[in-house]
Amino acid sequence: LCPRGIDVYFDNVGGGTLEAALRHANVAARFPVCGMISAYNETQDRGVRVLQAMLNKRITMTGFIIYDHVHKLPAYQAQV
């Protein structure tokens, strides 16, 4: 469903979904990552396969978490 490949992929699933996106990523794609829900209940860490795609395609994968932005919560609540 991505005939031209993937330039940006927001990931909060991990597992096979992330691996499929890595396979279809374009060169210099960007992958913001905020979760890995597919692994939350796993008892063993199986890791992420196809990570070589990150090197070959020069993919930037950056993790972020809500706790890095808690200081912005009062302004957000005032606006919402």
C-alpha atoms as a PDB file:
ATOM      1  CA  LEU A   1       0.000   0.000   0.000  1.00  0.00           C
ATOM      2  CA  CYS A   2       3.040   2.260  -0.115  1.00  0.00           C
ATOM      3  CA  PRO A   3       3.963   2.183  -3.806  1.00  0.00           C
ATOM      4  CA  ARG A   4       6.494   5.014  -3.360  1.00  0.00           C
ATOM      5  CA  GLY A   5       7.861   3.722  -0.062  1.00  0.00           C
ATOM      6  CA  ILE A   6       7.733   5.289   3.383  1.00  0.00           C
ATOM      7  CA  ASP A   7       9.341   8.613   4.282  1.00  0.00           C
ATOM      8  CA  VAL A   8       7.902   9.022   7.800  1.00  0.00           C
ATOM      9  CA  TYR A   9       6.485   6.245   9.962  1.00  0.00           C
ATOM     10  CA  PHE A  10       5.106   6.986  13.466  1.00  0.00           C
ATOM     11  CA  ASP A  11       5.508   3.779  15.436  1.00  0.00           C
ATOM     12  CA  ASN A  12       3.837   2.795  18.671  1.00  0.00           C
ATOM     13  CA  VAL A  13       3.339  -0.891  17.828  1.00  0.00           C
ATOM     14  CA  GLY A  14       6.762  -2.416  17.156  1.00  0.00           C
ATOM     15  CA  GLY A  15       7.101  -6.076  16.227  1.00  0.00           C
ATOM     16  CA  GLY A  16       6.080  -7.208  12.772  1.00  0.00           C
ATOM     17  CA  THR A  17       4.460  -3.869  11.938  1.00  0.00           C
ATOM     18  CA  LEU A  18       7.713  -1.987  12.537  1.00  0.00           C
ATOM     19  CA  GLU A  19       9.648  -4.622  10.623  1.00  0.00           C
ATOM     20  CA  ALA A  20       7.336  -4.269   7.614  1.00  0.00           C
ATOM     21  CA  ALA A  21       7.737  -0.494   7.689  1.00  0.00           C
ATOM     22  CA  LEU A  22      11.529  -0.834   7.824  1.00  0.00           C
ATOM     23  CA  ARG A  23      11.423  -3.068   4.747  1.00  0.00           C
ATOM     24  CA  HIS A  24       9.398  -0.469   2.818  1.00  0.00           C
ATOM     25  CA  ALA A  25      11.233   2.632   4.036  1.00  0.00           C
ATOM     26  CA  ASN A  26      12.840   5.007   1.590  1.00  0.00           C
ATOM     27  CA  VAL A  27      16.409   6.214   1.937  1.00  0.00           C
ATOM     28  CA  ALA A  28      16.636   8.828   4.731  1.00  0.00           C
ATOM     29  CA  ALA A  29      13.214   7.892   6.171  1.00  0.00           C
ATOM     30  CA  ARG A  30      12.371   9.087   9.680  1.00  0.00           C
ATOM     31  CA  PHE A  31      10.799   6.845  12.305  1.00  0.00           C
ATOM     32  CA  PRO A  32       9.590   8.543  15.509  1.00  0.00           C
ATOM     33  CA  VAL A  33       8.918   5.799  18.080  1.00  0.00           C
ATOM     34  CA  CYS A  34       6.720   6.266  21.145  1.00  0.00           C
ATOM     35  CA  GLY A  35       5.796   2.709  22.087  1.00  0.00           C
ATOM     36  CA  MET A  36       6.099  -1.000  21.415  1.00  0.00           C
ATOM     37  CA  ILE A  37       2.665  -2.264  22.399  1.00  0.00           C
ATOM     38  CA  SER A  38       3.174  -5.549  20.574  1.00  0.00           C
ATOM     39  CA  ALA A  39       5.823  -6.480  23.151  1.00  0.00           C
ATOM     40  CA  TYR A  40       4.287  -5.166  26.383  1.00  0.00           C
ATOM     41  CA  ASN A  41       3.033  -8.589  27.493  1.00  0.00           C
ATOM     42  CA  GLU A  42       5.905 -10.655  26.083  1.00  0.00           C
ATOM     43  CA  THR A  43       7.970 -12.689  28.520  1.00  0.00           C
ATOM     44  CA  GLN A  44      11.016 -12.752  26.245  1.00  0.00           C
ATOM     45  CA  ASP A  45      12.477  -9.909  24.222  1.00  0.00           C
ATOM     46  CA  ARG A  46      12.653 -11.123  20.611  1.00  0.00           C
ATOM     47  CA  GLY A  47      14.218  -7.888  19.406  1.00  0.00           C
ATOM     48  CA  VAL A  48      13.558  -6.126  16.131  1.00  0.00           C
ATOM     49  CA  ARG A  49      14.538  -7.871  12.927  1.00  0.00           C
ATOM     50  CA  VAL A  50      15.594  -6.159   9.704  1.00  0.00           C
ATOM     51  CA  LEU A  51      17.562  -3.476  11.561  1.00  0.00           C
ATOM     52  CA  GLN A  52      20.109  -3.665   8.768  1.00  0.00           C
ATOM     53  CA  ALA A  53      17.587  -1.605   6.784  1.00  0.00           C
ATOM     54  CA  MET A  54      18.331   1.302   9.134  1.00  0.00           C
ATOM     55  CA  LEU A  55      21.940   1.247   8.033  1.00  0.00           C
ATOM     56  CA  ASN A  56      21.393   0.544   4.341  1.00  0.00           C
ATOM     57  CA  LYS A  57      18.664   3.166   4.010  1.00  0.00           C
ATOM     58  CA  ARG A  58      20.113   5.673   6.502  1.00  0.00           C
ATOM     59  CA  ILE A  59      16.880   5.657   8.510  1.00  0.00           C
ATOM     60  CA  THR A  60      16.673   7.918  11.557  1.00  0.00           C
ATOM     61  CA  MET A  61      14.769   6.277  14.412  1.00  0.00           C
ATOM     62  CA  THR A  62      14.178   8.463  17.467  1.00  0.00           C
ATOM     63  CA  GLY A  63      12.394   7.420  20.626  1.00  0.00           C
ATOM     64  CA  PHE A  64      10.338   9.821  22.693  1.00  0.00           C
ATOM     65  CA  ILE A  65       8.217   9.469  25.773  1.00  0.00           C
ATOM     66  CA  ILE A  66       5.563  11.629  27.426  1.00  0.00           C
ATOM     67  CA  TYR A  67       7.658  12.128  30.551  1.00  0.00           C
ATOM     68  CA  ASP A  68      10.042  14.325  28.541  1.00  0.00           C
ATOM     69  CA  HIS A  69       7.190  16.807  28.046  1.00  0.00           C
ATOM     70  CA  VAL A  70       5.339  16.802  31.383  1.00  0.00           C
ATOM     71  CA  HIS A  71       6.493  20.366  32.031  1.00  0.00           C
ATOM     72  CA  LYS A  72       4.195  21.469  29.168  1.00  0.00           C
ATOM     73  CA  LEU A  73       1.080  19.893  30.718  1.00  0.00           C
ATOM     74  CA  PRO A  74      -0.298  23.027  32.463  1.00  0.00           C
ATOM     75  CA  ALA A  75      -0.171  25.063  29.226  1.00  0.00           C
ATOM     76  CA  TYR A  76      -1.783  22.193  27.323  1.00  0.00           C
ATOM     77  CA  GLN A  77      -4.582  21.826  29.888  1.00  0.00           C
ATOM     78  CA  ALA A  78      -5.252  25.568  29.835  1.00  0.00           C
ATOM     79  CA  GLN A  79      -5.610  25.531  26.060  1.00  0.00           C
ATOM     80  CA  VAL A  80      -7.674  22.362  25.825  1.00  0.00           C
END
